[in-house]
């Protein structure tokens, strides 16, 4: 008996700093159509969605609502789960980044494996940080001293964080894409991605100090930092 072909469909996970909007409904309905189609083909489908509940934006939104991060994220996550039922979606699973039984152990295992491989290192860093983007922004990308997306001045942050050696995989990523080992649709996005890689990939920050962000997954071998 032939083994069933497997098909995995993950959606972006909803950020819970506000109520779910129509953009999420559009994406998850499209994913649902795809999942149902591949099930009709007799494939073994795993359709996964969920909520992203860690991060500074959620802490700030909870504070503005006069609630604890736990209560606030639970409330919004429930709205999203209710939405999947209202829309009659066929998702096989729903994951929350605050799930200490399923999500946290996996993140910690991956972290330790990356560190074992030399893909993660710690260094002091000073840069412009946009809370809305939840990312550091280069000064040259600011417009009038503000984030071009959120139109707000970023914070200047100086702290010791962990970084992922993305630069280490630049040649490998380029080779995989050019060899069409992964399919990128539409083709214009492939050219755009290759152009981005050719400009040079920089190592990316993957943690924050728990003094500034306690609402997150603690790094297993460094309790002063949160995975970010």
Protein backbone atom coordinates (compact mmCIF):
# COMPACT_ATOMS: atom_id res chain seq x y z
CA UNK A 1 0.00 0.00 0.00
CA UNK A 2 1.40 3.36 -1.06
CA UNK A 3 2.00 5.91 1.66
CA UNK A 4 -0.13 9.03 1.43
CA UNK A 5 1.54 12.16 0.17
CA UNK A 6 1.86 14.72 2.95
CA UNK A 7 0.89 18.37 2.56
CA UNK A 8 1.59 20.98 5.25
CA UNK A 9 -0.23 24.33 5.29
CA UNK A 10 0.84 26.84 7.95
CA UNK A 11 -0.69 30.32 8.04
CA UNK A 12 0.87 33.39 9.57
CA UNK A 13 -0.14 33.44 13.23
CA UNK A 14 -2.31 36.31 14.41
CA UNK A 15 -0.74 39.00 16.54
CA UNK A 16 -3.03 39.54 19.51
CA UNK A 17 -2.41 43.21 20.24
CA UNK A 18 -5.85 43.92 18.73
CA UNK A 19 -9.01 42.16 17.56
CA UNK A 20 -8.62 39.94 14.45
CA UNK A 21 -9.26 41.83 11.21
CA UNK A 22 -10.50 40.97 7.72
CA UNK A 23 -6.95 40.44 6.44
CA UNK A 24 -6.53 37.39 8.66
CA UNK A 25 -9.92 36.01 7.61
CA UNK A 26 -8.90 36.31 3.95
CA UNK A 27 -5.63 34.45 4.45
CA UNK A 28 -7.04 31.64 6.55
CA UNK A 29 -10.00 31.08 4.19
CA UNK A 30 -7.55 30.77 1.29
CA UNK A 31 -5.54 28.25 3.33
CA UNK A 32 -8.75 26.35 4.14
CA UNK A 33 -9.65 26.05 0.45
CA UNK A 34 -6.17 24.70 -0.25
CA UNK A 35 -6.41 22.21 2.64
CA UNK A 36 -9.79 20.89 1.49
CA UNK A 37 -8.54 20.53 -2.09
CA UNK A 38 -5.51 18.47 -1.08
CA UNK A 39 -7.65 16.26 1.16
CA UNK A 40 -9.87 15.56 -1.86
CA UNK A 41 -6.71 14.42 -3.65
CA UNK A 42 -6.29 11.84 -0.89
CA UNK A 43 -3.29 13.53 0.69
CA UNK A 44 -2.48 13.61 4.40
CA UNK A 45 -2.96 17.29 5.26
CA UNK A 46 -1.83 19.25 8.29
CA UNK A 47 -3.46 22.68 8.33
CA UNK A 48 -2.07 24.80 11.17
CA UNK A 49 -2.92 28.27 12.40
CA UNK A 50 -2.72 30.06 15.75
CA UNK A 51 -1.84 33.19 17.68
CA UNK A 52 1.43 35.01 18.38
CA UNK A 53 1.07 36.16 21.99
CA UNK A 54 4.58 37.14 23.08
CA UNK A 55 6.20 40.50 22.46
CA UNK A 56 6.32 44.11 23.53
CA UNK A 57 3.30 45.19 21.45
CA UNK A 58 1.05 42.79 23.33
CA UNK A 59 2.35 43.99 26.69
CA UNK A 60 1.68 47.61 25.71
CA UNK A 61 -1.80 46.78 24.35
CA UNK A 62 -2.66 44.94 27.58
CA UNK A 63 -1.49 47.90 29.65
CA UNK A 64 -3.61 50.31 27.60
CA UNK A 65 -6.62 48.00 28.14
CA UNK A 66 -5.96 47.91 31.89
CA UNK A 67 -5.36 44.15 31.85
CA UNK A 68 -2.52 41.73 32.53
CA UNK A 69 -0.74 40.27 29.47
CA UNK A 70 -2.13 36.83 30.42
CA UNK A 71 -5.76 37.98 30.52
CA UNK A 72 -5.46 40.20 27.46
CA UNK A 73 -3.83 37.61 25.20
CA UNK A 74 -6.26 34.91 26.36
CA UNK A 75 -9.19 37.15 25.43
CA UNK A 76 -7.93 37.98 21.92
CA UNK A 77 -6.73 34.43 21.24
CA UNK A 78 -10.23 33.17 22.10
CA UNK A 79 -11.68 35.62 19.57
CA UNK A 80 -9.43 34.14 16.90
CA UNK A 81 -10.35 30.57 17.86
CA UNK A 82 -14.03 31.53 17.76
CA UNK A 83 -13.48 33.01 14.31
CA UNK A 84 -12.17 29.69 12.97
CA UNK A 85 -15.44 28.08 14.09
CA UNK A 86 -17.65 30.88 12.73
CA UNK A 87 -15.93 30.57 9.34
CA UNK A 88 -16.25 26.75 9.49
CA UNK A 89 -12.54 26.30 8.89
CA UNK A 90 -10.98 22.85 8.74
CA UNK A 91 -7.70 23.60 10.52
CA UNK A 92 -6.24 20.48 12.15
CA UNK A 93 -4.52 22.35 14.96
CA UNK A 94 -4.35 25.73 16.65
CA UNK A 95 -1.12 26.71 18.38
CA UNK A 96 -0.49 29.54 20.84
CA UNK A 97 3.00 30.84 21.50
CA UNK A 98 2.12 30.94 25.22
CA UNK A 99 1.52 27.17 25.21
CA UNK A 100 4.10 25.92 27.73
CA UNK A 101 3.33 22.25 27.06
CA UNK A 102 3.71 22.18 23.28
CA UNK A 103 5.25 25.39 21.90
CA UNK A 104 7.83 26.29 24.55
CA UNK A 105 9.61 22.88 24.68
CA UNK A 106 9.99 22.87 20.89
CA UNK A 107 11.41 26.40 20.83
CA UNK A 108 13.89 25.48 23.55
CA UNK A 109 15.01 22.32 21.72
CA UNK A 110 15.57 24.27 18.51
CA UNK A 111 17.45 27.00 20.39
CA UNK A 112 19.84 24.55 22.01
CA UNK A 113 20.43 22.76 18.70
CA UNK A 114 21.22 26.03 16.92
CA UNK A 115 23.59 27.01 19.69
CA UNK A 116 25.26 23.60 19.57
CA UNK A 117 25.83 24.13 15.83
CA UNK A 118 27.42 27.53 16.44
CA UNK A 119 24.54 29.36 14.75
CA UNK A 120 23.80 31.60 17.76
CA UNK A 121 26.14 33.97 19.55
CA UNK A 122 25.84 36.84 22.04
CA UNK A 123 27.05 40.40 21.55
CA UNK A 124 26.37 43.97 22.61
CA UNK A 125 24.30 45.91 20.12
CA UNK A 126 23.11 49.48 19.69
CA UNK A 127 20.48 50.36 17.15
CA UNK A 128 17.10 51.82 16.23
CA UNK A 129 14.25 49.59 17.39
CA UNK A 130 10.65 49.88 16.17
CA UNK A 131 8.13 48.41 18.61
CA UNK A 132 5.51 48.19 15.84
CA UNK A 133 7.80 46.14 13.58
CA UNK A 134 9.34 44.39 16.58
CA UNK A 135 12.67 44.68 14.80
CA UNK A 136 15.78 46.79 14.56
CA UNK A 137 15.83 49.23 11.65
CA UNK A 138 18.84 50.62 9.84
CA UNK A 139 19.25 54.38 10.06
CA UNK A 140 19.35 54.64 6.25
CA UNK A 141 15.87 53.07 6.07
CA UNK A 142 14.26 55.72 8.30
CA UNK A 143 12.24 58.46 6.64
CA UNK A 144 12.50 61.76 8.46
CA UNK A 145 13.82 59.86 11.47
CA UNK A 146 10.71 57.65 11.55
CA UNK A 147 9.85 54.05 10.69
CA UNK A 148 8.51 54.10 7.10
CA UNK A 149 5.75 51.62 8.02
CA UNK A 150 4.49 52.91 11.37
CA UNK A 151 5.58 56.56 10.93
CA UNK A 152 6.90 56.69 14.48
CA UNK A 153 10.38 57.45 15.73
CA UNK A 154 12.13 54.23 16.81
CA UNK A 155 13.70 53.77 20.22
CA UNK A 156 17.47 53.77 20.51
CA UNK A 157 18.33 50.54 22.27
CA UNK A 158 21.69 49.39 23.55
CA UNK A 159 21.82 45.95 25.13
CA UNK A 160 23.43 42.54 24.93
CA UNK A 161 21.43 40.12 22.80
CA UNK A 162 21.80 36.82 21.00
CA UNK A 163 22.15 36.83 17.21
CA UNK A 164 21.46 34.17 14.59
CA UNK A 165 24.25 33.73 12.01
CA UNK A 166 22.06 34.31 8.95
CA UNK A 167 25.12 35.46 7.00
CA UNK A 168 26.54 31.94 7.35
CA UNK A 169 23.80 30.60 5.08
CA UNK A 170 23.88 33.26 2.34
CA UNK A 171 25.59 31.12 -0.33
CA UNK A 172 23.53 28.06 0.56
CA UNK A 173 20.22 29.94 0.35
CA UNK A 174 21.17 31.47 -2.98
CA UNK A 175 22.14 28.06 -4.38
CA UNK A 176 18.89 26.45 -3.23
CA UNK A 177 16.76 29.18 -4.82
CA UNK A 178 18.70 29.31 -8.09
CA UNK A 179 18.59 25.51 -8.39
CA UNK A 180 14.79 25.66 -7.95
CA UNK A 181 14.95 23.27 -5.00
CA UNK A 182 12.13 25.38 -3.56
CA UNK A 183 9.39 26.94 -5.66
CA UNK A 184 8.70 30.63 -5.20
CA UNK A 185 5.47 32.04 -6.63
CA UNK A 186 5.21 34.44 -8.41
CA UNK A 187 8.53 34.40 -10.26
CA UNK A 188 9.02 38.12 -9.61
CA UNK A 189 9.32 37.37 -5.89
CA UNK A 190 12.16 34.97 -6.66
CA UNK A 191 14.11 37.75 -8.39
CA UNK A 192 13.33 40.10 -5.53
CA UNK A 193 14.56 37.57 -2.95
CA UNK A 194 17.78 36.86 -4.86
CA UNK A 195 18.44 40.58 -5.16
CA UNK A 196 18.00 40.91 -1.39
CA UNK A 197 20.42 38.03 -0.73
CA UNK A 198 22.99 39.44 -3.16
CA UNK A 199 23.08 42.69 -1.18
CA UNK A 200 24.42 40.66 1.73
CA UNK A 201 22.57 38.99 4.60
CA UNK A 202 23.23 40.29 8.09
CA UNK A 203 23.01 38.32 11.32
CA UNK A 204 19.69 38.95 13.02
CA UNK A 205 18.85 39.59 16.68
CA UNK A 206 16.85 36.72 18.19
CA UNK A 207 16.56 37.67 21.88
CA UNK A 208 15.72 40.55 24.21
CA UNK A 209 16.69 41.26 27.80
CA UNK A 210 14.08 39.93 30.22
CA UNK A 211 14.45 43.17 32.17
CA UNK A 212 12.74 44.84 29.21
CA UNK A 213 10.65 41.91 27.98
CA UNK A 214 9.64 39.37 30.59
CA UNK A 215 6.55 38.39 28.59
CA UNK A 216 8.27 35.85 26.37
CA UNK A 217 9.92 32.44 26.22
CA UNK A 218 12.98 32.34 28.51
CA UNK A 219 16.17 31.10 26.88
CA UNK A 220 16.93 27.67 28.40
CA UNK A 221 20.56 28.33 29.28
CA UNK A 222 20.37 32.07 29.96
CA UNK A 223 17.51 33.25 32.18
CA UNK A 224 18.41 36.91 31.55
CA UNK A 225 17.09 36.72 27.96
CA UNK A 226 13.81 35.99 26.16
CA UNK A 227 13.59 34.40 22.72
CA UNK A 228 12.45 37.11 20.35
